[in-house]
Amino acid sequence: MLTLSPLLFALQDTELYASRVAQRLGCQLARHEERDYEDGEHKCRPLEPVNGRDVVVFHSLYGDGQQSANDKLCRLLFFCGALKDAGARHVQVVTPYLCYGRKDRRNQPQDPTITRYVAAFFEASGVDRLIALDVHNPAAFDNAFRIPAWNLQCTELFAAHFAGLVGDAEVVAVSPDSGGIKRAEQFRQALERQLGRSVGSALMEKHRDHATLTGTLLIGEVSGKTAIVFDDLISTGDTLKHAGLACQKAGAVRLFAAATHGLFAASDQMFTPPLFEHIAITDSMPPFRLSQECATLHLHTLDTSALIATFLAENGAFDHA
């Protein structure tokens, strides 16, 4: 019996990313239609037969000037529902950036746990499997979904990048807050493997009262070393700058930062004045809030398409029969 390869669809604004993954898999993106109505409603439908087929849908759920994160999430859910209604056998979603990952616990009485609600939306829309990059809280992510859900880590990509930059200098991986200790430790171990020598660790004290950050204690030795502040995402950049300034004050001789998702909600203000030699991010979303000059001067973007393609091809993402 002839087995057809999966159909790959990419919704608006994720086409370039998905096309790089498709190229690595030796296929092309399937055709679909997205239509906007005058009142703000919309519809999405596949233009190729999906009955009995396996389908992969790419969509990165960040808000931009055209669509909010809510808009993109709604389009994705409706499209997945349409695929199932049209007879798709198995629907996988690849969302390089998964929205609402930070609202994963109750901080106040009657607080929502939106990560869990988002998971329920995907399940209700007929999604069979979800793949994301570096979610904010892996434990909450795992607990939220009842369908198979994979959190692919970009740690090795960042480690390979910085291994080529630090030379023979002593290096320390810095977590900018207590919530990122495990993440920074995974990066430290990966960098240690890449360099073949010991890499130190440090932790920055951080307390947040609404928009105000406090905390002055830096645990770990950074004096005379290259410090790399490692986090999962950059929103306003205040958390990274808070840790970076503490490392600078403590005597770090070189200063870098890294985060998988670059939201840059404060636009170019994060880089006034510049603090880090550069910040490494991934292509989970474009740094569209930054000026071209700022992005060119201060960012280095890592390509994650090979990571996604390898997972889809070799790690059982298609083997579910």
Protein backbone atom coordinates (compact mmCIF):
# COMPACT_ATOMS: atom_id res chain seq x y z
CA MET A 1 0.00 0.00 0.00
CA LEU A 2 1.37 3.42 -0.96
CA THR A 3 1.91 5.67 2.07
CA LEU A 4 1.50 9.35 1.32
CA SER A 5 3.78 11.81 3.07
CA PRO A 6 2.11 14.33 5.39
CA LEU A 7 0.74 17.60 4.04
CA LEU A 8 2.39 20.69 5.51
CA PHE A 9 0.36 23.90 5.87
CA ALA A 10 1.56 27.27 7.16
CA LEU A 11 -0.80 30.03 8.20
CA GLN A 12 -0.14 33.70 7.55
CA ASP A 13 3.18 35.07 8.86
CA THR A 14 4.66 31.60 9.42
CA GLU A 15 5.14 30.69 5.76
CA LEU A 16 8.86 31.53 5.56
CA TYR A 17 9.65 29.55 8.68
CA ALA A 18 7.60 26.55 7.56
CA SER A 19 9.06 26.63 4.06
CA ARG A 20 12.57 26.21 5.51
CA VAL A 21 11.40 23.17 7.47
CA ALA A 22 9.64 21.77 4.39
CA GLN A 23 12.78 22.23 2.30
CA ARG A 24 14.79 20.24 4.82
CA LEU A 25 12.15 17.49 4.66
CA GLY A 26 12.22 17.50 0.86
CA CYS A 27 8.65 18.67 0.34
CA GLN A 28 6.62 21.79 -0.35
CA LEU A 29 3.92 23.58 1.58
CA ALA A 30 0.35 22.63 0.73
CA ARG A 31 -2.07 25.29 -0.52
CA HIS A 32 -4.75 26.85 1.66
CA GLU A 33 -7.01 29.90 1.73
CA GLU A 34 -7.33 32.55 4.43
CA ARG A 35 -10.21 34.97 3.94
CA ASP A 36 -11.04 38.05 6.03
CA TYR A 37 -14.54 39.46 6.20
CA GLU A 38 -15.49 43.11 6.55
CA ASP A 39 -16.59 42.75 10.17
CA GLY A 40 -13.30 41.21 11.33
CA GLU A 41 -14.36 37.57 11.10
CA HIS A 42 -12.37 35.13 8.99
CA LYS A 43 -12.11 31.61 7.68
CA CYS A 44 -9.28 29.28 6.69
CA ARG A 45 -9.60 26.15 4.57
CA PRO A 46 -7.25 23.70 2.85
CA LEU A 47 -7.18 23.82 -0.95
CA GLU A 48 -5.83 20.30 -1.30
CA PRO A 49 -7.68 17.09 -0.36
CA VAL A 50 -6.87 16.08 3.21
CA ASN A 51 -9.24 13.14 3.63
CA GLY A 52 -7.30 10.28 5.20
CA ARG A 53 -4.06 12.27 5.20
CA ASP A 54 -1.65 13.19 7.94
CA VAL A 55 -1.33 16.96 8.28
CA VAL A 56 1.17 19.30 9.94
CA VAL A 57 0.13 22.92 10.55
CA PHE A 58 2.70 25.63 11.34
CA HIS A 59 1.74 28.82 13.14
CA SER A 60 3.73 30.94 15.59
CA LEU A 61 1.34 32.57 18.04
CA TYR A 62 2.87 35.98 18.71
CA GLY A 63 0.92 39.21 18.36
CA ASP A 64 2.06 41.74 15.78
CA GLY A 65 0.74 44.87 14.08
CA GLN A 66 -1.69 42.91 11.93
CA GLN A 67 -3.01 40.18 14.22
CA SER A 68 -3.02 39.74 17.98
CA ALA A 69 -2.00 36.49 19.63
CA ASN A 70 -5.73 35.88 20.15
CA ASP A 71 -6.41 36.34 16.41
CA LYS A 72 -3.69 33.89 15.46
CA LEU A 73 -4.76 31.34 18.03
CA CYS A 74 -8.36 31.54 16.81
CA ARG A 75 -7.34 31.12 13.15
CA LEU A 76 -5.18 28.13 14.01
CA LEU A 77 -7.91 26.42 16.02
CA PHE A 78 -10.54 27.00 13.33
CA PHE A 79 -8.20 25.72 10.61
CA CYS A 80 -7.41 22.56 12.59
CA GLY A 81 -11.14 22.01 13.10
CA ALA A 82 -11.71 22.42 9.35
CA LEU A 83 -8.98 19.87 8.62
CA LYS A 84 -10.62 17.34 10.91
CA ASP A 85 -14.06 18.03 9.41
CA ALA A 86 -12.54 17.43 5.97
CA GLY A 87 -11.33 14.00 7.06
CA ALA A 88 -7.69 14.56 8.03
CA ARG A 89 -6.47 11.43 9.81
CA HIS A 90 -3.95 13.04 12.13
CA VAL A 91 -3.34 16.75 12.76
CA GLN A 92 -0.11 17.98 14.25
CA VAL A 93 0.54 21.60 15.16
CA VAL A 94 4.00 23.14 15.18
CA THR A 95 3.92 26.44 17.05
CA PRO A 96 7.45 27.83 17.48
CA TYR A 97 6.07 30.38 19.95
CA LEU A 98 3.11 29.25 22.04
CA CYS A 99 1.12 32.15 23.44
CA TYR A 100 -0.04 32.43 27.07
CA GLY A 101 2.83 30.30 28.32
CA ARG A 102 3.53 32.76 31.14
CA LYS A 103 0.04 32.53 32.68
CA ASP A 104 0.48 29.01 33.99
CA ARG A 105 -0.36 29.34 37.68
CA ARG A 106 -2.57 31.16 40.17
CA ASN A 107 -0.76 34.11 41.72
CA GLN A 108 -3.87 35.65 43.28
CA PRO A 109 -7.26 34.32 44.41
CA GLN A 110 -9.49 33.33 41.47
CA ASP A 111 -6.62 33.79 39.00
CA PRO A 112 -6.94 31.99 35.63
CA THR A 113 -4.52 29.28 34.52
CA ILE A 114 -4.67 30.17 30.85
CA THR A 115 -2.08 27.63 29.73
CA ARG A 116 -4.55 24.90 30.68
CA TYR A 117 -7.40 26.61 28.85
CA VAL A 118 -5.33 26.93 25.68
CA ALA A 119 -4.55 23.22 25.87
CA ALA A 120 -8.28 22.47 26.12
CA PHE A 121 -8.91 24.60 23.01
CA PHE A 122 -6.41 22.56 20.99
CA GLU A 123 -7.92 19.30 22.17
CA ALA A 124 -11.46 20.48 21.37
CA SER A 125 -10.36 21.46 17.84
CA GLY A 126 -9.20 17.94 17.09
CA VAL A 127 -5.45 18.48 17.29
CA ASP A 128 -3.70 15.16 17.83
CA ARG A 129 -0.20 16.39 18.68
CA LEU A 130 1.48 19.71 19.44
CA ILE A 131 5.13 20.73 19.13
CA ALA A 132 6.50 23.95 20.63
CA LEU A 133 9.91 25.51 21.22
CA ASP A 134 11.13 26.29 24.74
CA VAL A 135 7.87 26.86 26.57
CA HIS A 136 8.01 29.11 29.62
CA ASN A 137 7.20 26.41 32.18
CA PRO A 138 7.80 22.86 30.92
CA ALA A 139 6.09 21.24 33.93
CA ALA A 140 2.93 23.32 33.50
CA PHE A 141 3.01 22.60 29.76
CA ASP A 142 3.25 18.85 30.34
CA ASN A 143 0.43 18.92 32.88
CA ALA A 144 -1.88 21.11 30.77
CA PHE A 145 -2.16 18.83 27.73
CA ARG A 146 -3.92 15.48 27.51
CA ILE A 147 -2.76 15.02 23.92
CA PRO A 148 0.92 14.34 23.15
CA ALA A 149 2.72 17.68 23.47
CA TRP A 150 6.45 18.14 22.88
CA ASN A 151 8.64 20.94 24.15
CA LEU A 152 11.75 21.09 21.96
CA GLN A 153 14.68 22.79 23.63
CA CYS A 154 17.08 25.07 21.77
CA THR A 155 19.83 24.70 24.37
CA GLU A 156 22.27 22.90 22.10
CA LEU A 157 21.88 25.55 19.39
CA PHE A 158 22.77 28.31 21.84
CA ALA A 159 25.66 26.30 23.28
CA ALA A 160 27.15 25.73 19.82
CA HIS A 161 26.79 29.43 19.02
CA PHE A 162 28.55 30.67 22.15
CA ALA A 163 31.22 27.97 22.09
CA GLY A 164 32.55 29.64 18.96
CA LEU A 165 32.66 33.08 20.61
CA VAL A 166 34.12 32.73 24.09
CA GLY A 167 37.58 31.44 23.14
CA ASP A 168 39.67 30.26 26.09
CA ALA A 169 38.03 32.60 28.60
CA GLU A 170 36.35 31.39 31.75
CA VAL A 171 32.59 31.35 31.20
CA VAL A 172 29.60 31.50 33.53
CA ALA A 173 25.94 30.82 32.65
CA VAL A 174 23.65 33.23 34.49
CA SER A 175 19.99 32.65 35.32
CA PRO A 176 18.26 36.05 35.57
CA ASP A 177 15.79 34.78 38.20
CA SER A 178 15.04 31.75 40.33
CA GLY A 179 12.40 30.48 37.90
CA GLY A 180 15.02 29.97 35.20
CA ILE A 181 17.55 27.97 37.23
CA LYS A 182 16.86 24.64 35.49
CA ARG A 183 16.89 26.29 32.06
CA ALA A 184 20.23 28.01 32.69
CA GLU A 185 21.68 24.81 34.13
CA GLN A 186 20.76 22.87 30.99
CA PHE A 187 22.49 25.55 28.94
CA ARG A 188 25.53 25.44 31.23
CA GLN A 189 25.86 21.68 30.82
CA ALA A 190 25.44 21.91 27.03
CA LEU A 191 28.08 24.65 26.79
CA GLU A 192 30.38 22.63 29.00
CA ARG A 193 30.08 19.69 26.60
CA GLN A 194 30.76 21.94 23.61
CA LEU A 195 33.84 23.54 25.20
CA GLY A 196 35.19 20.43 26.87
CA ARG A 197 35.90 22.37 30.06
CA SER A 198 34.14 23.60 33.17
CA VAL A 199 31.50 26.35 32.91
CA GLY A 200 30.36 28.20 36.01
CA SER A 201 26.86 29.18 37.07
CA ALA A 202 25.28 32.22 38.69
CA LEU A 203 21.82 33.32 39.80
CA MET A 204 20.38 36.81 39.99
CA GLU A 205 17.91 37.74 42.71
CA LYS A 206 14.69 39.17 41.26
CA HIS A 207 11.44 40.30 42.81
CA ARG A 208 8.65 41.82 40.76
CA ASP A 209 5.98 44.20 42.03
CA HIS A 210 3.84 44.84 38.96
CA ALA A 211 6.29 46.59 36.58
CA THR A 212 9.03 47.22 39.17
CA LEU A 213 12.02 44.87 39.51
CA THR A 214 14.06 44.68 42.69
CA GLY A 215 16.83 42.47 44.03
CA THR A 216 20.57 43.05 44.30
CA LEU A 217 22.06 39.69 45.25
CA LEU A 218 24.08 37.93 42.56
CA ILE A 219 24.97 34.39 43.62
CA GLY A 220 28.04 33.05 41.84
CA GLU A 221 31.42 34.35 40.72
CA VAL A 222 31.53 36.36 37.48
CA SER A 223 34.53 38.64 38.08
CA GLY A 224 37.03 38.43 35.22
CA LYS A 225 34.79 36.01 33.30
CA THR A 226 32.52 35.97 30.27
CA ALA A 227 28.92 36.01 31.52
CA ILE A 228 26.01 34.74 29.41
CA VAL A 229 22.56 35.60 30.77
CA PHE A 230 20.20 32.86 29.57
CA ASP A 231 16.38 33.02 29.52
CA ASP A 232 13.44 31.66 27.54
CA LEU A 233 12.01 34.95 26.27
CA ILE A 234 12.59 38.68 26.16
CA SER A 235 9.55 40.90 26.63
CA THR A 236 10.52 44.37 27.83
CA GLY A 237 14.10 43.23 28.46
CA ASP A 238 14.06 44.48 32.06
CA THR A 239 14.88 41.05 33.51
CA LEU A 240 17.91 40.57 31.25
CA LYS A 241 19.17 44.09 31.90
CA HIS A 242 18.71 43.67 35.64
CA ALA A 243 20.94 40.58 35.60
CA GLY A 244 23.36 42.04 33.06
CA LEU A 245 23.97 45.20 35.07
CA ALA A 246 24.63 43.12 38.18
CA CYS A 247 27.18 41.02 36.28
CA GLN A 248 28.83 44.14 34.93
CA LYS A 249 29.04 45.65 38.42
CA ALA A 250 30.49 42.39 39.75
CA GLY A 251 33.36 42.53 37.26
CA ALA A 252 32.33 40.41 34.25
CA VAL A 253 34.71 41.27 31.39
CA ARG A 254 32.39 40.21 28.56
CA LEU A 255 28.61 40.11 28.61
CA PHE A 256 26.20 38.26 26.33
CA ALA A 257 22.54 37.29 26.57
CA ALA A 258 20.36 34.64 24.97
CA ALA A 259 16.65 33.84 24.79
CA THR A 260 14.64 31.64 22.46
CA HIS A 261 11.80 34.10 21.90
CA GLY A 262 12.47 37.77 21.18
CA LEU A 263 9.24 39.72 21.72
CA PHE A 264 11.01 43.07 22.39
CA ALA A 265 7.86 44.76 23.65
CA ALA A 266 9.87 47.86 24.59
CA SER A 267 11.24 48.20 21.06
CA ASP A 268 14.71 49.77 20.75
CA GLN A 269 14.59 51.17 24.29
CA MET A 270 16.08 47.95 25.63
CA PHE A 271 19.32 48.79 23.84
CA THR A 272 19.65 52.37 25.11
CA PRO A 273 22.39 52.27 26.15
CA PRO A 274 23.64 48.90 24.83
CA LEU A 275 24.68 46.50 27.57
CA PHE A 276 25.43 43.18 25.89
CA GLU A 277 27.92 42.51 23.10
CA HIS A 278 25.00 40.86 21.39
CA ILE A 279 21.84 38.95 22.20
CA ALA A 280 21.23 35.57 20.60
CA ILE A 281 17.61 34.70 19.80
CA THR A 282 15.92 32.17 17.52
CA ASP A 283 13.67 32.57 14.51
CA SER A 284 10.54 31.54 16.45
CA MET A 285 9.33 35.05 15.60
CA PRO A 286 10.89 37.98 13.70
CA PRO A 287 12.14 40.94 15.80
CA PHE A 288 9.63 43.19 14.02
CA ARG A 289 9.34 45.67 16.89
CA LEU A 290 13.01 46.65 16.52
CA SER A 291 14.42 48.93 13.88
CA GLN A 292 16.47 47.20 11.21
CA GLU A 293 19.59 49.01 12.40
CA CYS A 294 19.06 47.95 16.00
CA ALA A 295 18.44 44.31 15.08
CA THR A 296 21.51 44.21 12.87
CA LEU A 297 23.76 45.74 15.52
CA HIS A 298 22.58 43.86 18.58
CA LEU A 299 21.01 40.53 17.59
CA HIS A 300 22.16 37.20 16.25
CA THR A 301 19.32 34.94 15.12
CA LEU A 302 19.68 31.15 15.23
CA ASP A 303 17.85 28.95 12.71
CA THR A 304 15.63 26.33 14.38
CA SER A 305 14.24 24.79 11.18
CA ALA A 306 16.70 21.88 11.32
CA LEU A 307 15.64 21.15 14.91
CA ILE A 308 11.97 20.96 13.90
CA ALA A 309 12.65 19.01 10.70
CA THR A 310 14.83 16.48 12.50
CA PHE A 311 12.18 15.94 15.15
CA LEU A 312 9.43 15.46 12.58
CA ALA A 313 11.54 13.06 10.52
CA GLU A 314 13.31 11.04 13.19
CA ASN A 315 11.56 11.29 16.53
CA GLY A 316 8.26 9.57 15.92
CA ALA A 317 6.22 12.65 15.03
CA PHE A 318 4.81 10.85 11.98
CA ASP A 319 4.79 7.38 13.46
CA HIS A 320 1.48 7.19 15.28
CA ALA A 321 -0.40 4.46 13.44
